[in-house]
Amino acid sequence: MLKRKRAQSTLEYIAVFAAIVGAIIIFAYLKLKPAVENVMDSSATKITTATSDFTAQSTK
């Protein structure tokens, strides 16, 4: 009987740990997504500007 109770306790700890890890992953995703999008947009703008400048200089 003691072994069964110990196994149940272990499963409860695993379930709580999984819930905490899941919450951390969701929180990080929601907080980091806008920052990553901003960096990507900024990089795309810089690349577009550099390409336009390069094209304009090469046609002169």
PDB file of N, CA and C in Angstrom:
ATOM      1  N   MET A   1       0.822  -1.193   0.000  1.00  0.00           N
ATOM      2  CA  MET A   1       0.000   0.000   0.000  1.00  0.00           C
ATOM      3  C   MET A   1       0.865   1.256   0.000  1.00  0.00           C
ATOM      4  N   LEU A   2       1.989   1.219   0.697  1.00  0.00           N
ATOM      5  CA  LEU A   2       2.868   2.383   0.772  1.00  0.00           C
ATOM      6  C   LEU A   2       3.481   2.691  -0.595  1.00  0.00           C
ATOM      7  N   LYS A   3       3.818   1.651  -1.345  1.00  0.00           N
ATOM      8  CA  LYS A   3       4.420   1.857  -2.662  1.00  0.00           C
ATOM      9  C   LYS A   3       3.439   2.557  -3.600  1.00  0.00           C
ATOM     10  N   ARG A   4       2.184   2.187  -3.548  1.00  0.00           N
ATOM     11  CA  ARG A   4       1.179   2.813  -4.412  1.00  0.00           C
ATOM     12  C   ARG A   4       1.004   4.292  -4.061  1.00  0.00           C
ATOM     13  N   LYS A   5       1.021   4.631  -2.799  1.00  0.00           N
ATOM     14  CA  LYS A   5       0.875   6.012  -2.377  1.00  0.00           C
ATOM     15  C   LYS A   5       2.082   6.831  -2.812  1.00  0.00           C
ATOM     16  N   ARG A   6       3.268   6.258  -2.754  1.00  0.00           N
ATOM     17  CA  ARG A   6       4.481   6.943  -3.175  1.00  0.00           C
ATOM     18  C   ARG A   6       4.445   7.202  -4.678  1.00  0.00           C
ATOM     19  N   ALA A   7       3.967   6.258  -5.450  1.00  0.00           N
ATOM     20  CA  ALA A   7       3.865   6.434  -6.897  1.00  0.00           C
ATOM     21  C   ALA A   7       2.860   7.521  -7.237  1.00  0.00           C
ATOM     22  N   GLN A   8       1.775   7.569  -6.520  1.00  0.00           N
ATOM     23  CA  GLN A   8       0.775   8.610  -6.751  1.00  0.00           C
ATOM     24  C   GLN A   8       1.383   9.983  -6.449  1.00  0.00           C
ATOM     25  N   SER A   9       2.133  10.094  -5.399  1.00  0.00           N
ATOM     26  CA  SER A   9       2.772  11.348  -5.032  1.00  0.00           C
ATOM     27  C   SER A   9       3.761  11.789  -6.109  1.00  0.00           C
ATOM     28  N   THR A  10       4.516  10.839  -6.650  1.00  0.00           N
ATOM     29  CA  THR A  10       5.469  11.138  -7.714  1.00  0.00           C
ATOM     30  C   THR A  10       4.738  11.646  -8.950  1.00  0.00           C
ATOM     31  N   LEU A  11       3.651  11.014  -9.305  1.00  0.00           N
ATOM     32  CA  LEU A  11       2.873  11.461 -10.466  1.00  0.00           C
ATOM     33  C   LEU A  11       2.305  12.860 -10.244  1.00  0.00           C
ATOM     34  N   GLU A  12       1.899  13.164  -9.044  1.00  0.00           N
ATOM     35  CA  GLU A  12       1.394  14.498  -8.750  1.00  0.00           C
ATOM     36  C   GLU A  12       2.494  15.540  -8.915  1.00  0.00           C
ATOM     37  N   TYR A  13       3.697  15.238  -8.450  1.00  0.00           N
ATOM     38  CA  TYR A  13       4.820  16.155  -8.625  1.00  0.00           C
ATOM     39  C   TYR A  13       5.144  16.355 -10.106  1.00  0.00           C
ATOM     40  N   ILE A  14       5.104  15.291 -10.870  1.00  0.00           N
ATOM     41  CA  ILE A  14       5.374  15.385 -12.309  1.00  0.00           C
ATOM     42  C   ILE A  14       4.313  16.244 -12.992  1.00  0.00           C
ATOM     43  N   ALA A  15       3.066  16.068 -12.621  1.00  0.00           N
ATOM     44  CA  ALA A  15       1.985  16.864 -13.218  1.00  0.00           C
ATOM     45  C   ALA A  15       2.143  18.343 -12.888  1.00  0.00           C
ATOM     46  N   VAL A  16       2.472  18.660 -11.653  1.00  0.00           N
ATOM     47  CA  VAL A  16       2.672  20.054 -11.256  1.00  0.00           C
ATOM     48  C   VAL A  16       3.880  20.636 -11.991  1.00  0.00           C
ATOM     49  N   PHE A  17       4.948  19.886 -12.068  1.00  0.00           N
ATOM     50  CA  PHE A  17       6.154  20.341 -12.778  1.00  0.00           C
ATOM     51  C   PHE A  17       5.848  20.603 -14.248  1.00  0.00           C
ATOM     52  N   ALA A  18       5.105  19.710 -14.886  1.00  0.00           N
ATOM     53  CA  ALA A  18       4.740  19.885 -16.295  1.00  0.00           C
ATOM     54  C   ALA A  18       3.873  21.124 -16.482  1.00  0.00           C
ATOM     55  N   ALA A  19       2.974  21.382 -15.576  1.00  0.00           N
ATOM     56  CA  ALA A  19       2.122  22.568 -15.663  1.00  0.00           C
ATOM     57  C   ALA A  19       2.950  23.842 -15.522  1.00  0.00           C
ATOM     58  N   ILE A  20       3.898  23.840 -14.606  1.00  0.00           N
ATOM     59  CA  ILE A  20       4.761  25.012 -14.412  1.00  0.00           C
ATOM     60  C   ILE A  20       5.620  25.253 -15.646  1.00  0.00           C
ATOM     61  N   VAL A  21       6.212  24.195 -16.186  1.00  0.00           N
ATOM     62  CA  VAL A  21       7.043  24.334 -17.387  1.00  0.00           C
ATOM     63  C   VAL A  21       6.198  24.822 -18.560  1.00  0.00           C
ATOM     64  N   GLY A  22       5.007  24.306 -18.704  1.00  0.00           N
ATOM     65  CA  GLY A  22       4.111  24.756 -19.765  1.00  0.00           C
ATOM     66  C   GLY A  22       3.771  26.229 -19.630  1.00  0.00           C
ATOM     67  N   ALA A  23       3.490  26.667 -18.415  1.00  0.00           N
ATOM     68  CA  ALA A  23       3.175  28.076 -18.180  1.00  0.00           C
ATOM     69  C   ALA A  23       4.368  28.971 -18.504  1.00  0.00           C
ATOM     70  N   ILE A  24       5.559  28.534 -18.153  1.00  0.00           N
ATOM     71  CA  ILE A  24       6.769  29.306 -18.458  1.00  0.00           C
ATOM     72  C   ILE A  24       6.972  29.419 -19.964  1.00  0.00           C
ATOM     73  N   ILE A  25       6.765  28.336 -20.686  1.00  0.00           N
ATOM     74  CA  ILE A  25       6.930  28.346 -22.137  1.00  0.00           C
ATOM     75  C   ILE A  25       5.916  29.283 -22.791  1.00  0.00           C
ATOM     76  N   ILE A  26       4.683  29.213 -22.365  1.00  0.00           N
ATOM     77  CA  ILE A  26       3.643  30.091 -22.932  1.00  0.00           C
ATOM     78  C   ILE A  26       3.950  31.554 -22.613  1.00  0.00           C
ATOM     79  N   PHE A  27       4.349  31.843 -21.390  1.00  0.00           N
ATOM     80  CA  PHE A  27       4.681  33.211 -20.994  1.00  0.00           C
ATOM     81  C   PHE A  27       5.854  33.735 -21.811  1.00  0.00           C
ATOM     82  N   ALA A  28       6.892  32.935 -21.969  1.00  0.00           N
ATOM     83  CA  ALA A  28       8.070  33.359 -22.743  1.00  0.00           C
ATOM     84  C   ALA A  28       7.693  33.598 -24.200  1.00  0.00           C
ATOM     85  N   TYR A  29       6.875  32.734 -24.760  1.00  0.00           N
ATOM     86  CA  TYR A  29       6.446  32.899 -26.152  1.00  0.00           C
ATOM     87  C   TYR A  29       5.684  34.209 -26.336  1.00  0.00           C
ATOM     88  N   LEU A  30       4.773  34.495 -25.432  1.00  0.00           N
ATOM     89  CA  LEU A  30       3.963  35.708 -25.552  1.00  0.00           C
ATOM     90  C   LEU A  30       4.791  36.975 -25.353  1.00  0.00           C
ATOM     91  N   LYS A  31       5.798  36.923 -24.503  1.00  0.00           N
ATOM     92  CA  LYS A  31       6.629  38.094 -24.237  1.00  0.00           C
ATOM     93  C   LYS A  31       7.711  38.281 -25.294  1.00  0.00           C
ATOM     94  N   LEU A  32       8.253  37.199 -25.837  1.00  0.00           N
ATOM     95  CA  LEU A  32       9.363  37.307 -26.788  1.00  0.00           C
ATOM     96  C   LEU A  32       8.906  37.501 -28.225  1.00  0.00           C
ATOM     97  N   LYS A  33       7.716  37.074 -28.558  1.00  0.00           N
ATOM     98  CA  LYS A  33       7.247  37.160 -29.942  1.00  0.00           C
ATOM     99  C   LYS A  33       7.279  38.593 -30.470  1.00  0.00           C
ATOM    100  N   PRO A  34       6.746  39.595 -29.766  1.00  0.00           N
ATOM    101  CA  PRO A  34       6.808  40.961 -30.293  1.00  0.00           C
ATOM    102  C   PRO A  34       8.243  41.471 -30.465  1.00  0.00           C
ATOM    103  N   ALA A  35       9.124  41.126 -29.551  1.00  0.00           N
ATOM    104  CA  ALA A  35      10.512  41.574 -29.647  1.00  0.00           C
ATOM    105  C   ALA A  35      11.194  40.972 -30.874  1.00  0.00           C
ATOM    106  N   VAL A  36      10.963  39.700 -31.111  1.00  0.00           N
ATOM    107  CA  VAL A  36      11.558  39.036 -32.278  1.00  0.00           C
ATOM    108  C   VAL A  36      10.987  39.632 -33.565  1.00  0.00           C
ATOM    109  N   GLU A  37       9.692  39.905 -33.591  1.00  0.00           N
ATOM    110  CA  GLU A  37       9.081  40.509 -34.774  1.00  0.00           C
ATOM    111  C   GLU A  37       9.674  41.888 -35.050  1.00  0.00           C
ATOM    112  N   ASN A  38       9.909  42.677 -34.005  1.00  0.00           N
ATOM    113  CA  ASN A  38      10.506  43.994 -34.181  1.00  0.00           C
ATOM    114  C   ASN A  38      11.912  43.903 -34.755  1.00  0.00           C
ATOM    115  N   VAL A  39      12.706  42.979 -34.261  1.00  0.00           N
ATOM    116  CA  VAL A  39      14.068  42.807 -34.760  1.00  0.00           C
ATOM    117  C   VAL A  39      14.049  42.375 -36.217  1.00  0.00           C
ATOM    118  N   MET A  40      13.162  41.457 -36.555  1.00  0.00           N
ATOM    119  CA  MET A  40      13.074  40.991 -37.945  1.00  0.00           C
ATOM    120  C   MET A  40      12.624  42.112 -38.874  1.00  0.00           C
ATOM    121  N   ASP A  41      11.627  42.897 -38.455  1.00  0.00           N
ATOM    122  CA  ASP A  41      11.161  44.018 -39.278  1.00  0.00           C
ATOM    123  C   ASP A  41      12.265  45.045 -39.480  1.00  0.00           C
ATOM    124  N   SER A  42      12.996  45.345 -38.420  1.00  0.00           N
ATOM    125  CA  SER A  42      14.091  46.300 -38.509  1.00  0.00           C
ATOM    126  C   SER A  42      15.180  45.791 -39.454  1.00  0.00           C
ATOM    127  N   SER A  43      15.508  44.518 -39.340  1.00  0.00           N
ATOM    128  CA  SER A  43      16.526  43.926 -40.221  1.00  0.00           C
ATOM    129  C   SER A  43      16.065  43.946 -41.672  1.00  0.00           C
ATOM    130  N   ALA A  44      14.816  43.633 -41.921  1.00  0.00           N
ATOM    131  CA  ALA A  44      14.292  43.637 -43.286  1.00  0.00           C
ATOM    132  C   ALA A  44      14.334  45.037 -43.877  1.00  0.00           C
ATOM    133  N   THR A  45      14.013  46.036 -43.068  1.00  0.00           N
ATOM    134  CA  THR A  45      14.053  47.421 -43.534  1.00  0.00           C
ATOM    135  C   THR A  45      15.485  47.830 -43.892  1.00  0.00           C
ATOM    136  N   LYS A  46      16.429  47.467 -43.048  1.00  0.00           N
ATOM    137  CA  LYS A  46      17.837  47.808 -43.310  1.00  0.00           C
ATOM    138  C   LYS A  46      18.342  47.121 -44.573  1.00  0.00           C
ATOM    139  N   ILE A  47      17.969  45.869 -44.769  1.00  0.00           N
ATOM    140  CA  ILE A  47      18.396  45.137 -45.965  1.00  0.00           C
ATOM    141  C   ILE A  47      17.784  45.762 -47.211  1.00  0.00           C
ATOM    142  N   THR A  48      16.509  46.112 -47.130  1.00  0.00           N
ATOM    143  CA  THR A  48      15.837  46.745 -48.274  1.00  0.00           C
ATOM    144  C   THR A  48      16.491  48.082 -48.611  1.00  0.00           C
ATOM    145  N   THR A  49      16.779  48.874 -47.595  1.00  0.00           N
ATOM    146  CA  THR A  49      17.428  50.175 -47.812  1.00  0.00           C
ATOM    147  C   THR A  49      18.817  49.993 -48.428  1.00  0.00           C
ATOM    148  N   ALA A  50      19.585  49.052 -47.901  1.00  0.00           N
ATOM    149  CA  ALA A  50      20.925  48.817 -48.430  1.00  0.00           C
ATOM    150  C   ALA A  50      20.871  48.333 -49.878  1.00  0.00           C
ATOM    151  N   THR A  51      19.918  47.484 -50.193  1.00  0.00           N
ATOM    152  CA  THR A  51      19.766  46.982 -51.559  1.00  0.00           C
ATOM    153  C   THR A  51      19.375  48.112 -52.504  1.00  0.00           C
ATOM    154  N   SER A  52      18.472  48.963 -52.068  1.00  0.00           N
ATOM    155  CA  SER A  52      18.057  50.103 -52.884  1.00  0.00           C
ATOM    156  C   SER A  52      19.225  51.055 -53.134  1.00  0.00           C
ATOM    157  N   ASP A  53      20.004  51.340 -52.078  1.00  0.00           N
ATOM    158  CA  ASP A  53      21.166  52.211 -52.215  1.00  0.00           C
ATOM    159  C   ASP A  53      22.189  51.599 -53.164  1.00  0.00           C
ATOM    160  N   PHE A  54      22.422  50.320 -53.046  1.00  0.00           N
ATOM    161  CA  PHE A  54      23.398  49.637 -53.891  1.00  0.00           C
ATOM    162  C   PHE A  54      22.943  49.661 -55.353  1.00  0.00           C
ATOM    163  N   THR A  55      21.665  49.411 -55.569  1.00  0.00           N
ATOM    164  CA  THR A  55      21.119  49.413 -56.928  1.00  0.00           C
ATOM    165  C   THR A  55      21.198  50.819 -57.537  1.00  0.00           C
ATOM    166  N   ALA A  56      20.898  51.835 -56.735  1.00  0.00           N
ATOM    167  CA  ALA A  56      20.942  53.211 -57.224  1.00  0.00           C
ATOM    168  C   ALA A  56      22.384  53.601 -57.575  1.00  0.00           C
ATOM    169  N   GLN A  57      23.351  53.173 -56.804  1.00  0.00           N
ATOM    170  CA  GLN A  57      24.763  53.507 -57.073  1.00  0.00           C
ATOM    171  C   GLN A  57      25.292  52.767 -58.286  1.00  0.00           C
ATOM    172  N   SER A  58      24.833  51.555 -58.498  1.00  0.00           N
ATOM    173  CA  SER A  58      25.354  50.766 -59.626  1.00  0.00           C
ATOM    174  C   SER A  58      24.791  51.222 -60.958  1.00  0.00           C
ATOM    175  N   THR A  59      23.672  51.927 -60.955  1.00  0.00           N
ATOM    176  CA  THR A  59      23.092  52.403 -62.209  1.00  0.00           C
ATOM    177  C   THR A  59      23.654  53.758 -62.635  1.00  0.00           C
ATOM    178  N   LYS A  60      24.432  54.389 -61.772  1.00  0.00           N
ATOM    179  CA  LYS A  60      25.009  55.706 -62.120  1.00  0.00           C
ATOM    180  C   LYS A  60      26.164  55.573 -63.061  1.00  0.00           C
TER     181      LYS A  60
END
